[in-house]
Each structure stands twice: as structure tokens, then as C-alpha cells.
């Protein structure tokens, strides 16, 4: 995914199961992830149980752009990690 200095918003949801996002290694990230029941694992930070929510903001490399993720799962797991550099 080439962001070329732009901000891109991705909205994704799954009723049941796993929602996994692998972000580029150098972009800025703003993540808002929720599950009705299950787990939210965002960049090695984990929230579990009923209604877990994870909000994480990380700066990226200058000029690499920003990825804004709005992720939801009903029952299951949301996982966000970075691709290897």
C-alpha cells in the first residue's frame, strides 16, 4: 500500500471471526478497534472481554502518510500489526 504522504481511512467490520490488518512499516497509524465480545490486539497492546476497545496512535516516517483504521468485530478478534521493514 503506497500512501505517498496522504491520509487514508479504512473502515472494516466482521460479524464473527477474526479481522486482521497488516499495516506498512513506515506509515503513521491511528487505530480505533472494538469488539462486542472477544479481543482487540493493536500493535502488541491487548484488551479482552466484553466490549474491549483499543485506541492507538503512532507516528510514522516523515512523508510516508497516515493510515486511519476503524475496525469492528461482533464476536471474535481484531488484530493490527505492522509488516516487517
PDB file of N, CA and C in Angstrom:
ATOM      1  N   UNK A   1       0.849  -1.181   0.000  1.00  0.00           N
ATOM      2  CA  UNK A   1       0.000   0.000   0.000  1.00  0.00           C
ATOM      3  C   UNK A   1       0.882   1.226   0.000  1.00  0.00           C
ATOM      4  N   UNK A   2       0.746   2.051  -1.009  1.00  0.00           N
ATOM      5  CA  UNK A   2       1.550   3.268  -1.138  1.00  0.00           C
ATOM      6  C   UNK A   2       0.669   4.466  -0.822  1.00  0.00           C
ATOM      7  N   UNK A   3       0.967   5.152   0.278  1.00  0.00           N
ATOM      8  CA  UNK A   3       0.151   6.294   0.682  1.00  0.00           C
ATOM      9  C   UNK A   3       0.700   7.617   0.177  1.00  0.00           C
ATOM     10  N   UNK A   4       1.978   7.676  -0.130  1.00  0.00           N
ATOM     11  CA  UNK A   4       2.618   8.872  -0.701  1.00  0.00           C
ATOM     12  C   UNK A   4       2.239  10.160   0.019  1.00  0.00           C
ATOM     13  N   UNK A   5       2.332  10.157   1.336  1.00  0.00           N
ATOM     14  CA  UNK A   5       2.071  11.358   2.098  1.00  0.00           C
ATOM     15  C   UNK A   5       0.605  11.641   2.361  1.00  0.00           C
ATOM     16  N   UNK A   6      -0.298  10.822   1.877  1.00  0.00           N
ATOM     17  CA  UNK A   6      -1.733  11.045   2.063  1.00  0.00           C
ATOM     18  C   UNK A   6      -2.235  10.340   3.315  1.00  0.00           C
ATOM     19  N   UNK A   7      -3.396  10.786   3.786  1.00  0.00           N
ATOM     20  CA  UNK A   7      -4.097  10.087   4.857  1.00  0.00           C
ATOM     21  C   UNK A   7      -5.207   9.265   4.216  1.00  0.00           C
ATOM     22  N   UNK A   8      -5.278   8.001   4.566  1.00  0.00           N
ATOM     23  CA  UNK A   8      -6.293   7.103   4.028  1.00  0.00           C
ATOM     24  C   UNK A   8      -7.034   6.475   5.202  1.00  0.00           C
ATOM     25  N   UNK A   9      -8.379   6.509   5.123  1.00  0.00           N
ATOM     26  CA  UNK A   9      -9.204   5.902   6.160  1.00  0.00           C
ATOM     27  C   UNK A   9      -9.772   4.587   5.652  1.00  0.00           C
ATOM     28  N   UNK A  10      -9.661   3.548   6.484  1.00  0.00           N
ATOM     29  CA  UNK A  10     -10.213   2.234   6.165  1.00  0.00           C
ATOM     30  C   UNK A  10     -11.208   1.875   7.262  1.00  0.00           C
ATOM     31  N   UNK A  11     -12.437   1.560   6.859  1.00  0.00           N
ATOM     32  CA  UNK A  11     -13.471   1.125   7.788  1.00  0.00           C
ATOM     33  C   UNK A  11     -13.796  -0.323   7.437  1.00  0.00           C
ATOM     34  N   UNK A  12     -13.679  -1.216   8.419  1.00  0.00           N
ATOM     35  CA  UNK A  12     -13.927  -2.642   8.167  1.00  0.00           C
ATOM     36  C   UNK A  12     -14.615  -3.263   9.365  1.00  0.00           C
ATOM     37  N   UNK A  13     -15.497  -4.232   9.086  1.00  0.00           N
ATOM     38  CA  UNK A  13     -16.173  -4.929  10.181  1.00  0.00           C
ATOM     39  C   UNK A  13     -16.449  -6.377   9.796  1.00  0.00           C
ATOM     40  N   UNK A  14     -16.540  -7.213  10.831  1.00  0.00           N
ATOM     41  CA  UNK A  14     -16.835  -8.633  10.675  1.00  0.00           C
ATOM     42  C   UNK A  14     -17.820  -8.992  11.787  1.00  0.00           C
ATOM     43  N   UNK A  15     -18.859  -9.748  11.449  1.00  0.00           N
ATOM     44  CA  UNK A  15     -19.827 -10.150  12.460  1.00  0.00           C
ATOM     45  C   UNK A  15     -19.245 -11.139  13.459  1.00  0.00           C
ATOM     46  N   UNK A  16     -18.557 -12.145  12.955  1.00  0.00           N
ATOM     47  CA  UNK A  16     -17.936 -13.156  13.810  1.00  0.00           C
ATOM     48  C   UNK A  16     -16.659 -13.640  13.141  1.00  0.00           C
ATOM     49  N   UNK A  17     -15.632 -13.850  13.953  1.00  0.00           N
ATOM     50  CA  UNK A  17     -14.370 -14.350  13.416  1.00  0.00           C
ATOM     51  C   UNK A  17     -13.228 -13.404  13.728  1.00  0.00           C
ATOM     52  N   UNK A  18     -12.288 -13.326  12.800  1.00  0.00           N
ATOM     53  CA  UNK A  18     -11.083 -12.531  13.009  1.00  0.00           C
ATOM     54  C   UNK A  18     -10.958 -11.483  11.913  1.00  0.00           C
ATOM     55  N   UNK A  19     -10.629 -10.271  12.333  1.00  0.00           N
ATOM     56  CA  UNK A  19     -10.334  -9.176  11.415  1.00  0.00           C
ATOM     57  C   UNK A  19      -8.882  -8.807  11.636  1.00  0.00           C
ATOM     58  N   UNK A  20      -8.048  -9.054  10.637  1.00  0.00           N
ATOM     59  CA  UNK A  20      -6.600  -8.839  10.767  1.00  0.00           C
ATOM     60  C   UNK A  20      -6.158  -7.808   9.734  1.00  0.00           C
ATOM     61  N   UNK A  21      -5.400  -6.808  10.199  1.00  0.00           N
ATOM     62  CA  UNK A  21      -4.843  -5.779   9.318  1.00  0.00           C
ATOM     63  C   UNK A  21      -3.341  -5.761   9.519  1.00  0.00           C
ATOM     64  N   UNK A  22      -2.604  -5.798   8.417  1.00  0.00           N
ATOM     65  CA  UNK A  22      -1.147  -5.677   8.452  1.00  0.00           C
ATOM     66  C   UNK A  22      -0.805  -4.350   7.784  1.00  0.00           C
ATOM     67  N   UNK A  23      -0.327  -3.398   8.576  1.00  0.00           N
ATOM     68  CA  UNK A  23      -0.035  -2.055   8.092  1.00  0.00           C
ATOM     69  C   UNK A  23       1.408  -1.967   7.592  1.00  0.00           C
ATOM     70  N   UNK A  24       1.655  -1.087   6.633  1.00  0.00           N
ATOM     71  CA  UNK A  24       3.037  -0.869   6.184  1.00  0.00           C
ATOM     72  C   UNK A  24       3.914  -0.430   7.354  1.00  0.00           C
ATOM     73  N   UNK A  25       5.204  -0.720   7.300  1.00  0.00           N
ATOM     74  CA  UNK A  25       6.076  -0.471   8.448  1.00  0.00           C
ATOM     75  C   UNK A  25       6.338   0.995   8.754  1.00  0.00           C
ATOM     76  N   UNK A  26       6.191   1.897   7.785  1.00  0.00           N
ATOM     77  CA  UNK A  26       6.640   3.268   7.992  1.00  0.00           C
ATOM     78  C   UNK A  26       5.532   4.318   8.057  1.00  0.00           C
ATOM     79  N   UNK A  27       4.270   3.947   7.872  1.00  0.00           N
ATOM     80  CA  UNK A  27       3.193   4.936   7.881  1.00  0.00           C
ATOM     81  C   UNK A  27       2.753   5.264   9.308  1.00  0.00           C
ATOM     82  N   UNK A  28       2.210   6.446   9.479  1.00  0.00           N
ATOM     83  CA  UNK A  28       1.593   6.796  10.743  1.00  0.00           C
ATOM     84  C   UNK A  28       0.296   6.020  10.875  1.00  0.00           C
ATOM     85  N   UNK A  29      -0.071   5.667  12.089  1.00  0.00           N
ATOM     86  CA  UNK A  29      -1.297   4.896  12.316  1.00  0.00           C
ATOM     87  C   UNK A  29      -2.169   5.566  13.361  1.00  0.00           C
ATOM     88  N   UNK A  30      -3.450   5.579  13.072  1.00  0.00           N
ATOM     89  CA  UNK A  30      -4.468   5.936  14.070  1.00  0.00           C
ATOM     90  C   UNK A  30      -5.476   4.811  14.031  1.00  0.00           C
ATOM     91  N   UNK A  31      -5.586   4.063  15.115  1.00  0.00           N
ATOM     92  CA  UNK A  31      -6.425   2.868  15.152  1.00  0.00           C
ATOM     93  C   UNK A  31      -7.514   3.033  16.208  1.00  0.00           C
ATOM     94  N   UNK A  32      -8.751   2.765  15.799  1.00  0.00           N
ATOM     95  CA  UNK A  32      -9.889   2.673  16.715  1.00  0.00           C
ATOM     96  C   UNK A  32     -10.502   1.309  16.457  1.00  0.00           C
ATOM     97  N   UNK A  33     -10.285   0.375  17.377  1.00  0.00           N
ATOM     98  CA  UNK A  33     -10.723  -1.013  17.186  1.00  0.00           C
ATOM     99  C   UNK A  33     -11.617  -1.438  18.346  1.00  0.00           C
ATOM    100  N   UNK A  34     -12.697  -2.169  18.028  1.00  0.00           N
ATOM    101  CA  UNK A  34     -13.656  -2.605  19.040  1.00  0.00           C
ATOM    102  C   UNK A  34     -14.161  -4.002  18.735  1.00  0.00           C
ATOM    103  N   UNK A  35     -14.528  -4.691  19.791  1.00  0.00           N
ATOM    104  CA  UNK A  35     -15.213  -5.984  19.665  1.00  0.00           C
ATOM    105  C   UNK A  35     -16.383  -5.972  20.644  1.00  0.00           C
ATOM    106  N   UNK A  36     -17.492  -6.573  20.248  1.00  0.00           N
ATOM    107  CA  UNK A  36     -18.603  -6.705  21.182  1.00  0.00           C
ATOM    108  C   UNK A  36     -18.237  -7.719  22.266  1.00  0.00           C
ATOM    109  N   UNK A  37     -17.625  -8.812  21.840  1.00  0.00           N
ATOM    110  CA  UNK A  37     -17.160  -9.851  22.761  1.00  0.00           C
ATOM    111  C   UNK A  37     -15.934 -10.496  22.146  1.00  0.00           C
ATOM    112  N   UNK A  38     -14.822 -10.470  22.855  1.00  0.00           N
ATOM    113  CA  UNK A  38     -13.619 -11.085  22.312  1.00  0.00           C
ATOM    114  C   UNK A  38     -12.372 -10.340  22.702  1.00  0.00           C
ATOM    115  N   UNK A  39     -11.509 -10.085  21.713  1.00  0.00           N
ATOM    116  CA  UNK A  39     -10.210  -9.470  21.984  1.00  0.00           C
ATOM    117  C   UNK A  39      -9.865  -8.456  20.913  1.00  0.00           C
ATOM    118  N   UNK A  40      -9.139  -7.441  21.343  1.00  0.00           N
ATOM    119  CA  UNK A  40      -8.595  -6.420  20.452  1.00  0.00           C
ATOM    120  C   UNK A  40      -7.097  -6.388  20.709  1.00  0.00           C
ATOM    121  N   UNK A  41      -6.308  -6.650  19.680  1.00  0.00           N
ATOM    122  CA  UNK A  41      -4.841  -6.678  19.786  1.00  0.00           C
ATOM    123  C   UNK A  41      -4.288  -5.695  18.766  1.00  0.00           C
ATOM    124  N   UNK A  42      -3.817  -4.541  19.251  1.00  0.00           N
ATOM    125  CA  UNK A  42      -3.316  -3.483  18.373  1.00  0.00           C
ATOM    126  C   UNK A  42      -1.861  -3.218  18.701  1.00  0.00           C
ATOM    127  N   UNK A  43      -0.996  -3.567  17.779  1.00  0.00           N
ATOM    128  CA  UNK A  43       0.437  -3.307  17.922  1.00  0.00           C
ATOM    129  C   UNK A  43       0.953  -3.766  19.284  1.00  0.00           C
ATOM    130  N   UNK A  44       0.644  -5.020  19.612  1.00  0.00           N
ATOM    131  CA  UNK A  44       1.094  -5.680  20.838  1.00  0.00           C
ATOM    132  C   UNK A  44       0.476  -5.126  22.124  1.00  0.00           C
ATOM    133  N   UNK A  45      -0.621  -4.404  22.001  1.00  0.00           N
ATOM    134  CA  UNK A  45      -1.414  -3.986  23.170  1.00  0.00           C
ATOM    135  C   UNK A  45      -2.722  -4.752  23.079  1.00  0.00           C
ATOM    136  N   UNK A  46      -3.145  -5.390  24.170  1.00  0.00           N
ATOM    137  CA  UNK A  46      -4.305  -6.280  24.118  1.00  0.00           C
ATOM    138  C   UNK A  46      -5.362  -5.876  25.137  1.00  0.00           C
ATOM    139  N   UNK A  47      -6.626  -5.893  24.672  1.00  0.00           N
ATOM    140  CA  UNK A  47      -7.802  -5.685  25.510  1.00  0.00           C
ATOM    141  C   UNK A  47      -8.728  -6.879  25.257  1.00  0.00           C
ATOM    142  N   UNK A  48      -9.315  -7.441  26.314  1.00  0.00           N
ATOM    143  CA  UNK A  48     -10.146  -8.641  26.162  1.00  0.00           C
ATOM    144  C   UNK A  48     -11.413  -8.533  27.001  1.00  0.00           C
ATOM    145  N   UNK A  49     -12.405  -9.343  26.624  1.00  0.00           N
ATOM    146  CA  UNK A  49     -13.607  -9.454  27.443  1.00  0.00           C
ATOM    147  C   UNK A  49     -14.845  -9.000  26.711  1.00  0.00           C
ATOM    148  N   UNK A  50     -15.743  -8.384  27.455  1.00  0.00           N
ATOM    149  CA  UNK A  50     -16.977  -7.857  26.887  1.00  0.00           C
ATOM    150  C   UNK A  50     -16.745  -6.394  26.539  1.00  0.00           C
ATOM    151  N   UNK A  51     -16.904  -6.069  25.271  1.00  0.00           N
ATOM    152  CA  UNK A  51     -16.762  -4.692  24.810  1.00  0.00           C
ATOM    153  C   UNK A  51     -15.372  -4.097  24.822  1.00  0.00           C
ATOM    154  N   UNK A  52     -14.323  -4.878  24.540  1.00  0.00           N
ATOM    155  CA  UNK A  52     -12.990  -4.280  24.552  1.00  0.00           C
ATOM    156  C   UNK A  52     -12.824  -3.252  23.432  1.00  0.00           C
ATOM    157  N   UNK A  53     -12.103  -2.186  23.760  1.00  0.00           N
ATOM    158  CA  UNK A  53     -11.818  -1.113  22.802  1.00  0.00           C
ATOM    159  C   UNK A  53     -10.340  -0.796  22.864  1.00  0.00           C
ATOM    160  N   UNK A  54      -9.746  -0.598  21.714  1.00  0.00           N
ATOM    161  CA  UNK A  54      -8.348  -0.203  21.669  1.00  0.00           C
ATOM    162  C   UNK A  54      -8.177   1.002  20.778  1.00  0.00           C
ATOM    163  N   UNK A  55      -7.530   2.021  21.310  1.00  0.00           N
ATOM    164  CA  UNK A  55      -7.221   3.216  20.527  1.00  0.00           C
ATOM    165  C   UNK A  55      -5.727   3.465  20.632  1.00  0.00           C
ATOM    166  N   UNK A  56      -5.075   3.507  19.488  1.00  0.00           N
ATOM    167  CA  UNK A  56      -3.626   3.677  19.461  1.00  0.00           C
ATOM    168  C   UNK A  56      -3.277   4.653  18.348  1.00  0.00           C
ATOM    169  N   UNK A  57      -2.352   5.560  18.640  1.00  0.00           N
ATOM    170  CA  UNK A  57      -1.827   6.479  17.634  1.00  0.00           C
ATOM    171  C   UNK A  57      -0.312   6.345  17.643  1.00  0.00           C
ATOM    172  N   UNK A  58       0.258   6.132  16.460  1.00  0.00           N
ATOM    173  CA  UNK A  58       1.719   6.064  16.323  1.00  0.00           C
ATOM    174  C   UNK A  58       2.150   6.912  15.141  1.00  0.00           C
ATOM    175  N   UNK A  59       3.195   7.680  15.346  1.00  0.00           N
ATOM    176  CA  UNK A  59       3.759   8.477  14.262  1.00  0.00           C
ATOM    177  C   UNK A  59       4.502   7.560  13.297  1.00  0.00           C
ATOM    178  N   UNK A  60       4.575   7.982  12.075  1.00  0.00           N
ATOM    179  CA  UNK A  60       5.319   7.234  11.071  1.00  0.00           C
ATOM    180  C   UNK A  60       6.481   8.058  10.553  1.00  0.00           C
ATOM    181  N   UNK A  61       7.099   7.552   9.509  1.00  0.00           N
ATOM    182  CA  UNK A  61       8.204   8.270   8.862  1.00  0.00           C
ATOM    183  C   UNK A  61       7.651   9.517   8.173  1.00  0.00           C
ATOM    184  N   UNK A  62       8.389  10.593   8.221  1.00  0.00           N
ATOM    185  CA  UNK A  62       8.006  11.849   7.569  1.00  0.00           C
ATOM    186  C   UNK A  62       7.716  11.597   6.086  1.00  0.00           C
ATOM    187  N   UNK A  63       6.546  12.023   5.643  1.00  0.00           N
ATOM    188  CA  UNK A  63       6.179  11.890   4.232  1.00  0.00           C
ATOM    189  C   UNK A  63       5.597  10.543   3.836  1.00  0.00           C
ATOM    190  N   UNK A  64       5.521   9.597   4.788  1.00  0.00           N
ATOM    191  CA  UNK A  64       5.029   8.252   4.452  1.00  0.00           C
ATOM    192  C   UNK A  64       3.509   8.175   4.429  1.00  0.00           C
ATOM    193  N   UNK A  65       2.840   9.164   5.009  1.00  0.00           N
ATOM    194  CA  UNK A  65       1.382   9.145   5.031  1.00  0.00           C
ATOM    195  C   UNK A  65       0.853   8.580   6.329  1.00  0.00           C
ATOM    196  N   UNK A  66      -0.481   8.588   6.421  1.00  0.00           N
ATOM    197  CA  UNK A  66      -1.143   8.104   7.629  1.00  0.00           C
ATOM    198  C   UNK A  66      -2.280   7.177   7.242  1.00  0.00           C
ATOM    199  N   UNK A  67      -2.404   6.095   7.995  1.00  0.00           N
ATOM    200  CA  UNK A  67      -3.475   5.129   7.812  1.00  0.00           C
ATOM    201  C   UNK A  67      -4.382   5.219   9.040  1.00  0.00           C
ATOM    202  N   UNK A  68      -5.646   5.547   8.801  1.00  0.00           N
ATOM    203  CA  UNK A  68      -6.639   5.633   9.871  1.00  0.00           C
ATOM    204  C   UNK A  68      -7.510   4.386   9.762  1.00  0.00           C
ATOM    205  N   UNK A  69      -7.532   3.577  10.809  1.00  0.00           N
ATOM    206  CA  UNK A  69      -8.266   2.316  10.799  1.00  0.00           C
ATOM    207  C   UNK A  69      -9.413   2.374  11.795  1.00  0.00           C
ATOM    208  N   UNK A  70     -10.615   2.112  11.309  1.00  0.00           N
ATOM    209  CA  UNK A  70     -11.804   1.995  12.168  1.00  0.00           C
ATOM    210  C   UNK A  70     -12.309   0.571  12.006  1.00  0.00           C
ATOM    211  N   UNK A  71     -12.048  -0.257  13.001  1.00  0.00           N
ATOM    212  CA  UNK A  71     -12.258  -1.695  12.893  1.00  0.00           C
ATOM    213  C   UNK A  71     -13.232  -2.192  13.949  1.00  0.00           C
ATOM    214  N   UNK A  72     -14.158  -3.073  13.530  1.00  0.00           N
ATOM    215  CA  UNK A  72     -15.154  -3.630  14.444  1.00  0.00           C
ATOM    216  C   UNK A  72     -15.319  -5.120  14.188  1.00  0.00           C
ATOM    217  N   UNK A  73     -15.519  -5.869  15.280  1.00  0.00           N
ATOM    218  CA  UNK A  73     -15.891  -7.282  15.165  1.00  0.00           C
ATOM    219  C   UNK A  73     -16.977  -7.535  16.203  1.00  0.00           C
ATOM    220  N   UNK A  74     -17.969  -8.340  15.819  1.00  0.00           N
ATOM    221  CA  UNK A  74     -19.025  -8.691  16.768  1.00  0.00           C
ATOM    222  C   UNK A  74     -18.473  -9.625  17.828  1.00  0.00           C
ATOM    223  N   UNK A  75     -18.257 -10.869  17.448  1.00  0.00           N
ATOM    224  CA  UNK A  75     -17.677 -11.866  18.348  1.00  0.00           C
ATOM    225  C   UNK A  75     -16.405 -12.381  17.697  1.00  0.00           C
ATOM    226  N   UNK A  76     -15.273 -12.190  18.363  1.00  0.00           N
ATOM    227  CA  UNK A  76     -14.015 -12.650  17.789  1.00  0.00           C
ATOM    228  C   UNK A  76     -12.857 -11.751  18.163  1.00  0.00           C
ATOM    229  N   UNK A  77     -11.972 -11.513  17.184  1.00  0.00           N
ATOM    230  CA  UNK A  77     -10.736 -10.796  17.459  1.00  0.00           C
ATOM    231  C   UNK A  77     -10.432  -9.796  16.358  1.00  0.00           C
ATOM    232  N   UNK A  78      -9.969  -8.628  16.789  1.00  0.00           N
ATOM    233  CA  UNK A  78      -9.385  -7.633  15.893  1.00  0.00           C
ATOM    234  C   UNK A  78      -7.887  -7.641  16.153  1.00  0.00           C
ATOM    235  N   UNK A  79      -7.102  -7.732  15.098  1.00  0.00           N
ATOM    236  CA  UNK A  79      -5.645  -7.701  15.251  1.00  0.00           C
ATOM    237  C   UNK A  79      -5.057  -6.717  14.251  1.00  0.00           C
ATOM    238  N   UNK A  80      -4.180  -5.842  14.746  1.00  0.00           N
ATOM    239  CA  UNK A  80      -3.454  -4.903  13.893  1.00  0.00           C
ATOM    240  C   UNK A  80      -1.982  -5.045  14.214  1.00  0.00           C
ATOM    241  N   UNK A  81      -1.190  -5.237  13.165  1.00  0.00           N
ATOM    242  CA  UNK A  81       0.260  -5.300  13.346  1.00  0.00           C
ATOM    243  C   UNK A  81       0.928  -4.646  12.149  1.00  0.00           C
ATOM    244  N   UNK A  82       2.208  -4.426  12.237  1.00  0.00           N
ATOM    245  CA  UNK A  82       2.963  -3.835  11.132  1.00  0.00           C
ATOM    246  C   UNK A  82       3.713  -4.927  10.359  1.00  0.00           C
ATOM    247  N   UNK A  83       3.821  -4.720   9.068  1.00  0.00           N
ATOM    248  CA  UNK A  83       4.627  -5.609   8.237  1.00  0.00           C
ATOM    249  C   UNK A  83       6.106  -5.384   8.587  1.00  0.00           C
ATOM    250  N   UNK A  84       6.921  -6.394   8.393  1.00  0.00           N
ATOM    251  CA  UNK A  84       8.362  -6.209   8.624  1.00  0.00           C
ATOM    252  C   UNK A  84       8.929  -5.164   7.660  1.00  0.00           C
ATOM    253  N   UNK A  85       9.902  -4.435   8.118  1.00  0.00           N
ATOM    254  CA  UNK A  85      10.543  -3.407   7.280  1.00  0.00           C
ATOM    255  C   UNK A  85      11.397  -4.021   6.203  1.00  0.00           C
TER     256      UNK A  85
END
